[in-house]
Amino acid sequence: VLALFLLVVACALADDRYTTKYDNIDIDTILKSDRLLKNYVNCLLEKGSCTPDGKELKEFEYYL
């Protein structure tokens, strides 16, 4: 019973951390566009300027 309770609490906490902020990003469009893909890669490699989305993506690289 205690394990089930802890599982429910963990699931409830995980729901609070999920964001829908990136649900509308079309990764296929980015990957198919040489220009967009190059801009994101250059941003990540610090060889070019970053868009606001690129800056956020750059923050995620530390978690990978």
Protein backbone atom coordinates (compact mmCIF):
# COMPACT_ATOMS: atom_id res chain seq x y z
CA VAL A 1 0.00 0.00 0.00
CA LEU A 2 2.85 2.36 0.83
CA ALA A 3 4.53 1.67 -2.52
CA LEU A 4 1.29 2.42 -4.37
CA PHE A 5 0.90 5.68 -2.45
CA LEU A 6 4.46 6.73 -3.31
CA LEU A 7 3.85 5.89 -6.96
CA VAL A 8 0.74 8.08 -7.04
CA VAL A 9 2.61 10.96 -5.38
CA ALA A 10 5.51 10.62 -7.84
CA CYS A 11 3.12 10.70 -10.80
CA ALA A 12 1.36 13.77 -9.44
CA LEU A 13 4.66 15.60 -9.02
CA ALA A 14 5.78 14.63 -12.52
CA ASP A 15 2.62 16.13 -14.03
CA ASP A 16 3.47 19.49 -12.46
CA ARG A 17 6.85 19.53 -14.18
CA TYR A 18 5.63 18.77 -17.71
CA THR A 19 5.33 21.76 -19.98
CA THR A 20 3.40 22.01 -23.21
CA LYS A 21 5.69 24.83 -24.36
CA TYR A 22 7.34 22.70 -27.05
CA ASP A 23 4.31 20.78 -28.26
CA ASN A 24 3.91 22.97 -31.36
CA ILE A 25 7.51 22.65 -32.58
CA ASP A 26 7.63 20.79 -35.89
CA ILE A 27 10.99 19.01 -35.75
CA ASP A 28 10.46 17.54 -39.23
CA THR A 29 10.30 21.05 -40.71
CA ILE A 30 13.53 22.00 -38.98
CA LEU A 31 15.31 18.84 -40.10
CA LYS A 32 14.13 19.24 -43.71
CA SER A 33 15.24 22.87 -43.95
CA ASP A 34 18.98 23.26 -44.52
CA ARG A 35 18.80 26.88 -43.42
CA LEU A 36 17.00 26.20 -40.13
CA LEU A 37 19.10 23.15 -39.31
CA LYS A 38 22.34 25.00 -40.05
CA ASN A 39 21.27 27.89 -37.82
CA TYR A 40 20.49 25.56 -34.91
CA VAL A 41 23.76 23.65 -35.34
CA ASN A 42 25.78 26.87 -35.53
CA CYS A 43 24.03 28.11 -32.41
CA LEU A 44 24.84 24.92 -30.50
CA LEU A 45 28.47 25.01 -31.66
CA GLU A 46 28.73 28.73 -30.79
CA LYS A 47 29.58 29.55 -34.40
CA GLY A 48 26.58 31.80 -34.97
CA SER A 49 23.88 33.77 -33.28
CA CYS A 50 21.01 32.00 -31.55
CA THR A 51 17.31 32.58 -31.89
CA PRO A 52 15.29 32.50 -28.65
CA ASP A 53 14.39 28.87 -29.45
CA GLY A 54 18.04 28.10 -30.12
CA LYS A 55 19.05 29.55 -26.75
CA GLU A 56 16.54 27.30 -25.00
CA LEU A 57 17.76 24.29 -26.96
CA LYS A 58 21.29 25.15 -25.92
CA GLU A 59 20.23 24.99 -22.26
CA PHE A 60 18.99 21.42 -22.79
CA GLU A 61 22.35 20.19 -24.07
CA TYR A 62 23.65 20.23 -20.50
CA TYR A 63 21.01 17.67 -19.52
CA LEU A 64 21.92 15.27 -22.33
